[in-house]
């Protein structure tokens, strides 16, 4: 009959959902790498001359994302990216 739920099946369904949400770590696995778009990684790449990272760093300073908003610093990175 539609709409009827067997209360005996609820705990099993909850257990299945809980297990599907767990993160599995393989034995001996290294910790996850730092995200490629982390601020420290973008700064490193920008300092090494990566134009895309320089542009992204300009956007970060222009919008104040995780750093104090600084339009002059943003313009500096945009100029470097354009060269």
N, C-alpha and C. Protein backbone atom coordinates (compact mmCIF):
# COMPACT_ATOMS: atom_id res chain seq x y z
N UNK A 1 0.84 -1.17 0.00
CA UNK A 1 0.00 0.00 0.00
C UNK A 1 0.89 1.25 0.00
N UNK A 2 0.65 2.15 -0.91
CA UNK A 2 1.47 3.35 -1.05
C UNK A 2 1.33 4.23 0.17
N UNK A 3 2.44 4.83 0.60
CA UNK A 3 2.41 5.74 1.73
C UNK A 3 2.68 5.06 3.06
N UNK A 4 2.57 3.74 3.13
CA UNK A 4 2.86 3.03 4.37
C UNK A 4 4.35 2.76 4.46
N UNK A 5 4.92 3.05 5.63
CA UNK A 5 6.33 2.81 5.86
C UNK A 5 6.46 1.77 6.95
N UNK A 6 7.25 0.76 6.70
CA UNK A 6 7.50 -0.27 7.69
C UNK A 6 8.48 0.29 8.70
N UNK A 7 8.08 0.51 9.96
CA UNK A 7 8.99 1.11 10.94
C UNK A 7 10.22 0.26 11.21
N UNK A 8 10.17 -1.03 10.89
CA UNK A 8 11.33 -1.90 11.10
C UNK A 8 12.43 -1.60 10.09
N UNK A 9 12.09 -1.02 8.94
CA UNK A 9 13.11 -0.74 7.93
C UNK A 9 13.83 0.59 8.16
N UNK A 10 13.28 1.47 8.98
CA UNK A 10 13.88 2.80 9.20
C UNK A 10 15.29 2.72 9.76
N UNK A 11 15.57 1.92 10.81
CA UNK A 11 16.95 1.88 11.31
C UNK A 11 17.95 1.39 10.26
N UNK A 12 17.57 0.43 9.46
CA UNK A 12 18.47 -0.07 8.43
C UNK A 12 18.74 1.00 7.39
N UNK A 13 17.72 1.75 7.01
CA UNK A 13 17.89 2.83 6.04
C UNK A 13 18.78 3.92 6.60
N UNK A 14 18.59 4.26 7.89
CA UNK A 14 19.42 5.29 8.51
C UNK A 14 20.88 4.84 8.57
N UNK A 15 21.12 3.57 8.87
CA UNK A 15 22.49 3.04 8.92
C UNK A 15 23.14 3.12 7.54
N UNK A 16 22.39 2.79 6.49
CA UNK A 16 22.91 2.86 5.12
C UNK A 16 23.27 4.30 4.77
N UNK A 17 22.40 5.24 5.12
CA UNK A 17 22.69 6.65 4.84
C UNK A 17 23.91 7.12 5.62
N UNK A 18 24.02 6.74 6.89
CA UNK A 18 25.15 7.16 7.71
C UNK A 18 26.45 6.63 7.12
N UNK A 19 26.46 5.38 6.70
CA UNK A 19 27.67 4.79 6.13
C UNK A 19 28.04 5.45 4.81
N UNK A 20 27.06 5.85 4.02
CA UNK A 20 27.35 6.47 2.73
C UNK A 20 27.95 7.86 2.91
N UNK A 21 27.74 8.48 4.08
CA UNK A 21 28.26 9.82 4.33
C UNK A 21 29.65 9.79 4.96
N UNK A 22 30.13 8.63 5.40
CA UNK A 22 31.44 8.53 6.01
C UNK A 22 32.54 8.67 4.96
N UNK A 23 33.63 9.25 5.36
CA UNK A 23 34.78 9.39 4.47
C UNK A 23 35.72 8.24 4.75
N UNK A 24 36.13 7.56 3.71
CA UNK A 24 37.03 6.43 3.85
C UNK A 24 38.46 6.89 3.61
N UNK A 25 39.34 6.56 4.55
CA UNK A 25 40.75 6.85 4.40
C UNK A 25 41.49 5.53 4.28
N UNK A 26 42.24 5.39 3.24
CA UNK A 26 42.99 4.16 3.03
C UNK A 26 44.19 4.12 3.96
N UNK A 27 44.53 2.95 4.46
CA UNK A 27 45.71 2.84 5.33
C UNK A 27 46.96 3.33 4.60
N UNK A 28 47.74 4.14 5.27
CA UNK A 28 48.98 4.65 4.70
C UNK A 28 48.79 5.80 3.72
N UNK A 29 47.55 6.25 3.54
CA UNK A 29 47.29 7.34 2.60
C UNK A 29 47.78 8.66 3.18
N UNK A 30 48.32 9.50 2.32
CA UNK A 30 48.79 10.82 2.75
C UNK A 30 47.58 11.72 3.00
N UNK A 31 47.80 12.77 3.75
CA UNK A 31 46.72 13.73 3.97
C UNK A 31 46.38 14.40 2.65
N UNK A 32 45.16 14.90 2.51
CA UNK A 32 44.76 15.51 1.24
C UNK A 32 45.67 16.69 0.89
N UNK A 33 45.96 16.88 -0.38
CA UNK A 33 46.82 17.99 -0.78
C UNK A 33 46.12 19.32 -0.56
N UNK A 34 46.92 20.36 -0.46
CA UNK A 34 46.37 21.71 -0.32
C UNK A 34 45.63 22.05 -1.60
N UNK A 35 44.45 22.68 -1.49
CA UNK A 35 43.72 23.02 -2.71
C UNK A 35 44.56 23.88 -3.65
N UNK A 36 44.42 23.65 -4.94
CA UNK A 36 45.22 24.37 -5.93
C UNK A 36 44.94 25.86 -5.91
N UNK A 37 43.75 26.25 -5.46
CA UNK A 37 43.39 27.65 -5.47
C UNK A 37 43.56 28.33 -4.10
N UNK A 38 44.33 27.70 -3.18
CA UNK A 38 44.55 28.33 -1.89
C UNK A 38 45.35 29.62 -2.09
N UNK A 39 45.12 30.57 -1.20
CA UNK A 39 45.78 31.87 -1.32
C UNK A 39 47.30 31.73 -1.33
N UNK A 40 47.83 30.88 -0.46
CA UNK A 40 49.30 30.74 -0.42
C UNK A 40 49.83 30.16 -1.73
N UNK A 41 49.10 29.24 -2.32
CA UNK A 41 49.53 28.65 -3.59
C UNK A 41 49.42 29.68 -4.72
N UNK A 42 48.37 30.47 -4.72
CA UNK A 42 48.20 31.50 -5.75
C UNK A 42 49.32 32.53 -5.63
N UNK A 43 49.64 32.92 -4.41
CA UNK A 43 50.73 33.90 -4.22
C UNK A 43 52.06 33.33 -4.71
N UNK A 44 52.32 32.08 -4.40
CA UNK A 44 53.57 31.45 -4.83
C UNK A 44 53.66 31.43 -6.35
N UNK A 45 52.59 30.99 -7.00
CA UNK A 45 52.58 30.92 -8.47
C UNK A 45 52.70 32.31 -9.09
N UNK A 46 52.01 33.29 -8.51
CA UNK A 46 52.07 34.65 -9.02
C UNK A 46 53.49 35.20 -8.92
N UNK A 47 54.14 34.94 -7.80
CA UNK A 47 55.52 35.41 -7.61
C UNK A 47 56.47 34.73 -8.59
N UNK A 48 56.12 33.53 -9.02
CA UNK A 48 56.95 32.80 -10.00
C UNK A 48 56.65 33.24 -11.44
N UNK A 49 55.70 34.16 -11.62
CA UNK A 49 55.43 34.70 -12.95
C UNK A 49 54.24 34.07 -13.67
N UNK A 50 53.45 33.25 -13.00
CA UNK A 50 52.28 32.62 -13.61
C UNK A 50 51.20 33.69 -13.83
N UNK A 51 50.91 34.00 -15.10
CA UNK A 51 49.98 35.08 -15.43
C UNK A 51 48.57 34.82 -14.91
N UNK A 52 48.12 33.58 -14.97
CA UNK A 52 46.76 33.28 -14.47
C UNK A 52 46.69 33.51 -12.96
N UNK A 53 47.73 33.09 -12.24
CA UNK A 53 47.77 33.31 -10.79
C UNK A 53 47.85 34.80 -10.48
N UNK A 54 48.61 35.55 -11.29
CA UNK A 54 48.71 37.00 -11.08
C UNK A 54 47.36 37.66 -11.26
N UNK A 55 46.63 37.24 -12.30
CA UNK A 55 45.28 37.78 -12.53
C UNK A 55 44.37 37.42 -11.36
N UNK A 56 44.42 36.15 -10.93
CA UNK A 56 43.57 35.71 -9.82
C UNK A 56 43.89 36.48 -8.54
N UNK A 57 45.17 36.72 -8.29
CA UNK A 57 45.57 37.47 -7.11
C UNK A 57 45.06 38.92 -7.22
N UNK A 58 45.09 39.47 -8.42
CA UNK A 58 44.51 40.81 -8.63
C UNK A 58 43.03 40.83 -8.28
N UNK A 59 42.31 39.80 -8.68
CA UNK A 59 40.87 39.70 -8.36
C UNK A 59 40.66 39.58 -6.86
N UNK A 60 41.51 38.81 -6.21
CA UNK A 60 41.40 38.62 -4.76
C UNK A 60 41.57 39.95 -4.03
N UNK A 61 42.59 40.72 -4.42
CA UNK A 61 42.80 42.02 -3.78
C UNK A 61 41.71 43.01 -4.18
N UNK A 62 41.26 42.96 -5.40
CA UNK A 62 40.22 43.88 -5.86
C UNK A 62 38.92 43.70 -5.08
N UNK A 63 38.60 42.45 -4.77
CA UNK A 63 37.34 42.16 -4.08
C UNK A 63 37.52 41.97 -2.58
N UNK A 64 38.75 41.92 -2.10
CA UNK A 64 39.01 41.73 -0.68
C UNK A 64 38.61 40.36 -0.18
N UNK A 65 38.91 39.34 -0.95
CA UNK A 65 38.56 37.97 -0.57
C UNK A 65 39.67 37.35 0.27
N UNK A 66 39.50 37.38 1.59
CA UNK A 66 40.50 36.79 2.48
C UNK A 66 41.70 37.69 2.74
N UNK A 67 41.71 38.85 2.13
CA UNK A 67 42.75 39.86 2.34
C UNK A 67 42.07 41.22 2.43
N UNK A 68 42.72 42.20 3.02
CA UNK A 68 42.12 43.54 3.00
C UNK A 68 41.99 44.03 1.55
N UNK A 69 40.87 44.63 1.23
CA UNK A 69 40.67 45.14 -0.13
C UNK A 69 41.71 46.21 -0.42
N UNK A 70 42.39 46.08 -1.56
CA UNK A 70 43.47 47.00 -1.91
C UNK A 70 43.50 47.12 -3.43
N UNK A 71 42.91 48.20 -3.93
CA UNK A 71 42.81 48.38 -5.38
C UNK A 71 44.17 48.63 -6.02
N UNK A 72 45.08 49.30 -5.31
CA UNK A 72 46.41 49.54 -5.86
C UNK A 72 47.17 48.22 -6.02
N UNK A 73 47.07 47.34 -5.02
CA UNK A 73 47.73 46.03 -5.10
C UNK A 73 47.09 45.19 -6.21
N UNK A 74 45.76 45.30 -6.33
CA UNK A 74 45.06 44.58 -7.40
C UNK A 74 45.56 45.04 -8.77
N UNK A 75 45.70 46.35 -8.94
CA UNK A 75 46.15 46.90 -10.22
C UNK A 75 47.57 46.43 -10.53
N UNK A 76 48.41 46.34 -9.51
CA UNK A 76 49.78 45.88 -9.70
C UNK A 76 49.79 44.45 -10.24
N UNK A 77 48.97 43.59 -9.66
CA UNK A 77 48.92 42.19 -10.12
C UNK A 77 48.28 42.08 -11.49
N UNK A 78 47.26 42.91 -11.78
CA UNK A 78 46.66 42.89 -13.11
C UNK A 78 47.68 43.31 -14.17
N UNK A 79 48.49 44.33 -13.85
CA UNK A 79 49.52 44.80 -14.78
C UNK A 79 50.54 43.70 -15.05
N UNK A 80 50.99 43.04 -13.99
CA UNK A 80 51.96 41.96 -14.17
C UNK A 80 51.37 40.83 -15.01
N UNK A 81 50.11 40.53 -14.81
CA UNK A 81 49.47 39.45 -15.58
C UNK A 81 49.37 39.81 -17.05
N UNK A 82 49.19 41.10 -17.33
CA UNK A 82 49.01 41.53 -18.71
C UNK A 82 50.33 41.60 -19.50
N UNK A 83 51.45 41.68 -18.79
CA UNK A 83 52.75 41.81 -19.47
C UNK A 83 53.21 40.52 -20.11
